[in-house]
Amino acid sequence: MLPTDLADWDAVNSAARAVEDAFGPIDIWINNAMATIFAPFSEIGPDEFRRATEVTYLGTVWGTKAALDRMRARDRGTIVIVGSALAYRGIPLQSAYCGAKHGVKGFFESLRTELRHDKSKVQLSMVQLPGVNTPQFEHGRSKMPMVPQPMPPYYAPEVAADAVYWSAHHRRREIYVGFPTVKTIVGNKVAPWLVERVLARTGEKGQQSDKPADPNRPDNLFSSPPGDPGAHGPYDAKARTSSIQLQLAKRREAVIAAVASGIAGGLAAYRAGRRS
């Protein structure tokens, strides 16, 4: 374990060097840097907004650079960026995080193009997640009256981990996790005005539980709280532990083939019926 400020390039590069010195060449690098503030934009200070942006955006950029600088020379390796449906659709109370995730997506697309131009064998993937029941809702900075919660419906961390692991071992450009992610991304492409209205009505309440918040609780925006919080947040009882959509996405080629076969069979039966 190497405690590192991911917003600091020198620290991230030193951590990558220490890992290779101890274990050998890095084959897989997963970027999961994030910090957020649950508050309206008008209540976020400039230092808070800058810090959340630097950790979430630059943490991903510096992690990618540290890994790529080493992988490019060997012309192999895989980098997985943990993204979010919020890389496509901003929601209320998380302007810093949503803005950073949108930036990460633009960075990802630019770098993918450069690697393709260079005919590099380094693989870069992005996993777009739904709400996940992690400890961020207990140690993320919040200025809301109630304890934050993931926007329902949300999933257990194991679902996200399954998608990240699968992405690290398959050459898929991007993978969406959970039907809420698909619905958010596709819906925002088709009718962004409608999604905006729905979120304006439900977004703030949907991100707050019914438990009053402690205004004096420590958070992790500028320094890490003591101890290891683990992977699970406080909402296991309502978190979904599997995703049919994810399993279908992982078997995309077989699903497409089955659908095409069904359509072809249906057309053949229809034509046979017309001739009889």
Protein backbone atom coordinates (compact mmCIF):
# COMPACT_ATOMS: atom_id res chain seq x y z
CA MET A 1 0.00 0.00 0.00
CA LEU A 2 1.40 3.37 -1.09
CA PRO A 3 -0.59 6.35 0.26
CA THR A 4 -0.34 8.95 -2.52
CA ASP A 5 -1.84 12.33 -3.34
CA LEU A 6 -3.12 11.58 -6.83
CA ALA A 7 -3.35 15.27 -7.68
CA ASP A 8 0.47 15.48 -7.39
CA TRP A 9 2.30 14.26 -10.51
CA ASP A 10 5.62 13.69 -8.76
CA ALA A 11 3.94 11.62 -6.06
CA VAL A 12 2.05 9.48 -8.60
CA ASN A 13 5.16 8.93 -10.71
CA SER A 14 7.18 7.99 -7.63
CA ALA A 15 4.50 5.47 -6.61
CA ALA A 16 4.58 3.88 -10.09
CA ARG A 17 8.37 3.66 -9.89
CA ALA A 18 8.20 2.04 -6.45
CA VAL A 19 5.66 -0.54 -7.70
CA GLU A 20 7.87 -1.55 -10.62
CA ASP A 21 10.96 -1.68 -8.40
CA ALA A 22 9.13 -4.06 -6.06
CA PHE A 23 7.07 -6.19 -8.44
CA GLY A 24 8.38 -5.70 -11.97
CA PRO A 25 6.71 -4.16 -15.04
CA ILE A 26 3.16 -2.88 -14.62
CA ASP A 27 0.80 -4.84 -16.90
CA ILE A 28 -2.52 -3.36 -15.74
CA TRP A 29 -3.17 0.08 -14.30
CA ILE A 30 -6.62 1.07 -13.02
CA ASN A 31 -7.49 4.74 -12.49
CA ASN A 32 -10.14 5.28 -9.83
CA ALA A 33 -9.24 8.70 -8.43
CA MET A 34 -12.22 10.68 -7.20
CA ALA A 35 -13.27 13.38 -4.77
CA THR A 36 -16.62 15.09 -4.64
CA ILE A 37 -18.64 17.69 -2.77
CA PHE A 38 -22.35 17.23 -2.24
CA ALA A 39 -23.53 20.84 -2.40
CA PRO A 40 -25.04 23.37 -4.78
CA PHE A 41 -22.42 25.13 -6.87
CA SER A 42 -23.20 28.43 -5.14
CA GLU A 43 -22.07 26.95 -1.81
CA ILE A 44 -18.76 25.44 -2.99
CA GLY A 45 -15.63 27.47 -2.30
CA PRO A 46 -12.97 27.94 -5.01
CA ASP A 47 -10.43 25.89 -3.04
CA GLU A 48 -12.95 23.06 -2.63
CA PHE A 49 -13.88 23.05 -6.31
CA ARG A 50 -10.24 23.11 -7.37
CA ARG A 51 -9.33 20.23 -5.07
CA ALA A 52 -12.20 17.99 -6.21
CA THR A 53 -11.32 18.72 -9.84
CA GLU A 54 -7.61 18.09 -9.38
CA VAL A 55 -8.11 14.76 -7.62
CA THR A 56 -10.79 13.45 -9.99
CA TYR A 57 -9.45 14.80 -13.28
CA LEU A 58 -5.71 15.22 -12.81
CA GLY A 59 -5.57 12.09 -10.64
CA THR A 60 -6.73 10.13 -13.68
CA VAL A 61 -4.47 12.04 -16.07
CA TRP A 62 -1.35 11.59 -13.90
CA GLY A 63 -2.12 7.92 -13.26
CA THR A 64 -2.51 7.33 -16.99
CA LYS A 65 0.70 9.18 -17.76
CA ALA A 66 2.68 7.27 -15.12
CA ALA A 67 1.49 3.96 -16.53
CA LEU A 68 1.74 4.92 -20.20
CA ASP A 69 5.28 6.27 -19.89
CA ARG A 70 6.32 2.78 -18.83
CA MET A 71 4.00 0.74 -21.08
CA ARG A 72 4.74 2.64 -24.28
CA ALA A 73 8.41 1.61 -24.23
CA ARG A 74 7.34 -2.06 -23.98
CA ASP A 75 4.41 -1.59 -26.38
CA ARG A 76 2.07 -3.55 -24.15
CA GLY A 77 -0.17 -3.10 -21.15
CA THR A 78 -3.72 -2.12 -20.25
CA ILE A 79 -5.02 1.05 -18.63
CA VAL A 80 -8.60 1.10 -17.33
CA ILE A 81 -10.27 4.38 -16.43
CA VAL A 82 -13.17 4.11 -14.01
CA GLY A 83 -15.75 6.51 -15.35
CA SER A 84 -19.40 7.17 -14.63
CA ALA A 85 -22.73 7.82 -16.26
CA LEU A 86 -22.01 11.33 -14.97
CA ALA A 87 -19.29 11.64 -17.62
CA TYR A 88 -22.22 12.04 -20.02
CA ARG A 89 -24.88 13.68 -17.85
CA GLY A 90 -24.31 16.18 -15.06
CA ILE A 91 -26.58 16.03 -12.01
CA PRO A 92 -27.34 18.54 -9.25
CA LEU A 93 -25.15 18.75 -6.11
CA GLN A 94 -22.06 17.35 -7.86
CA SER A 95 -20.92 20.04 -10.30
CA ALA A 96 -17.20 19.58 -9.53
CA TYR A 97 -17.29 15.79 -9.89
CA CYS A 98 -19.48 15.81 -13.02
CA GLY A 99 -17.31 18.46 -14.67
CA ALA A 100 -14.17 16.45 -13.93
CA LYS A 101 -15.70 13.21 -15.24
CA HIS A 102 -16.72 14.98 -18.46
CA GLY A 103 -13.11 16.12 -18.75
CA VAL A 104 -11.83 12.60 -18.16
CA LYS A 105 -14.01 11.32 -21.00
CA GLY A 106 -12.59 13.96 -23.38
CA PHE A 107 -9.05 13.07 -22.28
CA PHE A 108 -9.79 9.37 -22.83
CA GLU A 109 -11.08 9.96 -26.37
CA SER A 110 -8.10 12.13 -27.30
CA LEU A 111 -5.56 9.63 -25.98
CA ARG A 112 -7.31 6.69 -27.65
CA THR A 113 -6.94 8.52 -30.96
CA GLU A 114 -3.24 9.16 -30.37
CA LEU A 115 -2.57 5.53 -29.46
CA ARG A 116 -4.39 4.38 -32.60
CA HIS A 117 -2.38 6.83 -34.71
CA ASP A 118 0.85 5.45 -33.24
CA LYS A 119 -0.36 1.86 -33.79
CA SER A 120 0.35 1.25 -30.12
CA LYS A 121 -0.56 -2.08 -28.55
CA VAL A 122 -1.31 -0.42 -25.22
CA GLN A 123 -5.03 -0.82 -24.52
CA LEU A 124 -7.04 2.04 -23.01
CA SER A 125 -10.59 1.34 -21.77
CA MET A 126 -13.23 3.23 -19.83
CA VAL A 127 -15.88 1.69 -17.56
CA GLN A 128 -18.98 3.84 -17.05
CA LEU A 129 -20.57 3.09 -13.68
CA PRO A 130 -23.99 3.72 -12.12
CA GLY A 131 -24.40 4.69 -8.47
CA VAL A 132 -22.32 2.32 -6.32
CA ASN A 133 -22.59 1.77 -2.57
CA THR A 134 -19.05 2.74 -1.57
CA PRO A 135 -17.83 4.62 1.54
CA GLN A 136 -17.68 7.89 -0.42
CA PHE A 137 -21.09 8.80 0.99
CA GLU A 138 -19.69 8.66 4.52
CA HIS A 139 -16.40 10.49 3.94
CA GLY A 140 -17.09 12.73 0.94
CA ARG A 141 -17.54 16.40 1.82
CA SER A 142 -21.19 17.38 2.07
CA LYS A 143 -23.06 20.58 2.84
CA MET A 144 -26.51 19.02 2.65
CA PRO A 145 -28.81 18.55 5.67
CA MET A 146 -29.12 14.78 5.21
CA VAL A 147 -26.47 12.08 4.79
CA PRO A 148 -25.66 11.57 1.08
CA GLN A 149 -26.60 8.39 -0.72
CA PRO A 150 -26.06 7.05 -4.24
CA MET A 151 -28.77 7.95 -6.74
CA PRO A 152 -31.07 4.89 -6.81
CA PRO A 153 -31.13 2.32 -8.15
CA TYR A 154 -27.54 1.58 -7.16
CA TYR A 155 -25.21 -1.41 -7.02
CA ALA A 156 -22.83 -3.25 -4.72
CA PRO A 157 -19.08 -2.60 -5.24
CA GLU A 158 -18.62 -6.16 -6.48
CA VAL A 159 -20.64 -5.36 -9.62
CA ALA A 160 -18.31 -2.48 -10.44
CA ALA A 161 -15.25 -4.61 -9.64
CA ASP A 162 -16.48 -7.36 -11.97
CA ALA A 163 -16.80 -4.85 -14.82
CA VAL A 164 -13.37 -3.31 -14.19
CA TYR A 165 -11.68 -6.73 -14.01
CA TRP A 166 -13.39 -7.87 -17.20
CA SER A 167 -12.44 -4.67 -19.00
CA ALA A 168 -8.82 -5.09 -17.95
CA HIS A 169 -8.69 -8.48 -19.68
CA HIS A 170 -10.67 -7.73 -22.85
CA ARG A 171 -9.98 -5.20 -25.57
CA ARG A 172 -13.27 -3.31 -25.29
CA ARG A 173 -13.15 0.45 -25.81
CA GLU A 174 -15.91 1.23 -23.34
CA ILE A 175 -18.40 -0.67 -21.25
CA TYR A 176 -21.59 0.56 -19.57
CA VAL A 177 -22.49 -1.02 -16.23
CA GLY A 178 -26.11 -1.41 -15.15
CA PHE A 179 -29.33 -0.42 -16.85
CA PRO A 180 -29.42 2.97 -15.03
CA THR A 181 -26.16 3.89 -16.79
CA VAL A 182 -27.52 2.89 -20.19
CA LYS A 183 -30.77 4.74 -19.53
CA THR A 184 -28.93 7.89 -18.42
CA ILE A 185 -26.48 7.98 -21.31
CA VAL A 186 -28.92 7.04 -24.06
CA GLY A 187 -31.71 9.17 -22.61
CA ASN A 188 -29.43 12.19 -22.45
CA LYS A 189 -28.49 11.72 -26.10
CA VAL A 190 -32.10 11.39 -27.23
CA ALA A 191 -33.85 13.93 -24.99
CA PRO A 192 -31.44 15.92 -22.80
CA TRP A 193 -34.15 18.48 -22.06
CA LEU A 194 -36.33 15.75 -20.53
CA VAL A 195 -33.50 14.29 -18.43
CA GLU A 196 -32.72 17.80 -17.18
CA ARG A 197 -36.30 18.34 -16.05
CA VAL A 198 -36.46 14.96 -14.31
CA LEU A 199 -33.18 15.57 -12.47
CA ALA A 200 -34.22 19.08 -11.49
CA ARG A 201 -37.27 17.55 -9.82
CA THR A 202 -35.72 14.43 -8.27
CA GLY A 203 -31.92 14.82 -8.24
CA GLU A 204 -31.40 16.60 -4.93
CA LYS A 205 -33.77 14.45 -2.90
CA GLY A 206 -32.56 11.28 -4.61
CA GLN A 207 -29.00 11.88 -3.39
CA GLN A 208 -29.97 12.32 0.27
CA SER A 209 -31.01 9.65 2.73
CA ASP A 210 -33.51 10.18 5.55
CA LYS A 211 -30.70 10.36 8.15
CA PRO A 212 -29.66 13.84 9.39
CA ALA A 213 -26.05 14.69 8.62
CA ASP A 214 -23.41 15.52 11.22
CA PRO A 215 -21.96 18.89 10.15
CA ASN A 216 -18.74 18.17 12.07
CA ARG A 217 -17.88 14.79 10.59
CA PRO A 218 -14.41 14.56 8.97
CA ASP A 219 -14.17 14.23 5.20
CA ASN A 220 -11.51 13.23 2.69
CA LEU A 221 -11.37 16.27 0.42
CA PHE A 222 -7.99 17.57 1.57
CA SER A 223 -6.74 14.69 3.75
CA SER A 224 -7.65 11.07 4.32
CA PRO A 225 -9.64 10.13 7.45
CA PRO A 226 -7.84 7.57 9.64
CA GLY A 227 -8.43 3.86 9.15
CA ASP A 228 -9.52 1.69 6.23
CA PRO A 229 -13.21 2.21 5.37
CA GLY A 230 -13.33 -0.92 3.21
CA ALA A 231 -15.25 -1.17 -0.05
CA HIS A 232 -18.88 -1.02 1.11
CA GLY A 233 -20.92 2.00 2.10
CA PRO A 234 -23.89 2.01 4.51
CA TYR A 235 -26.56 1.05 1.96
CA ASP A 236 -25.97 -2.67 1.40
CA ALA A 237 -29.60 -3.53 2.12
CA LYS A 238 -30.81 -1.74 -1.04
CA ALA A 239 -27.79 -2.25 -3.29
CA ARG A 240 -28.23 -4.54 -6.28
CA THR A 241 -25.71 -7.38 -6.26
CA SER A 242 -25.87 -8.28 -9.95
CA SER A 243 -26.56 -6.73 -13.33
CA ILE A 244 -28.14 -8.64 -16.19
CA GLN A 245 -27.24 -5.73 -18.47
CA LEU A 246 -23.54 -6.08 -17.58
CA GLN A 247 -23.56 -9.81 -18.29
CA LEU A 248 -25.16 -9.16 -21.68
CA ALA A 249 -22.67 -6.37 -22.41
CA LYS A 250 -19.79 -8.74 -21.69
CA ARG A 251 -21.29 -11.16 -24.22
CA ARG A 252 -22.13 -8.52 -26.80
CA GLU A 253 -21.03 -10.51 -29.85
CA ALA A 254 -23.10 -13.56 -28.85
CA VAL A 255 -26.14 -11.37 -28.13
CA ILE A 256 -25.87 -9.61 -31.50
CA ALA A 257 -25.46 -12.94 -33.27
CA ALA A 258 -28.50 -14.38 -31.50
CA VAL A 259 -30.63 -11.34 -32.34
CA ALA A 260 -29.49 -11.41 -35.97
CA SER A 261 -30.24 -15.13 -36.17
CA GLY A 262 -33.70 -14.57 -34.68
CA ILE A 263 -34.46 -11.78 -37.15
CA ALA A 264 -33.23 -13.89 -40.07
CA GLY A 265 -35.35 -16.83 -38.90
CA GLY A 266 -38.39 -14.62 -38.52
CA LEU A 267 -37.96 -13.16 -42.01
CA ALA A 268 -37.55 -16.64 -43.49
CA ALA A 269 -40.72 -17.83 -41.79
CA TYR A 270 -42.59 -14.74 -42.96
CA ARG A 271 -41.49 -15.24 -46.57
CA ALA A 272 -42.38 -18.93 -46.41
CA GLY A 273 -45.80 -18.02 -45.14
CA ARG A 274 -46.31 -15.50 -47.93
CA ARG A 275 -45.46 -18.14 -50.56
CA SER A 276 -47.78 -20.79 -49.13
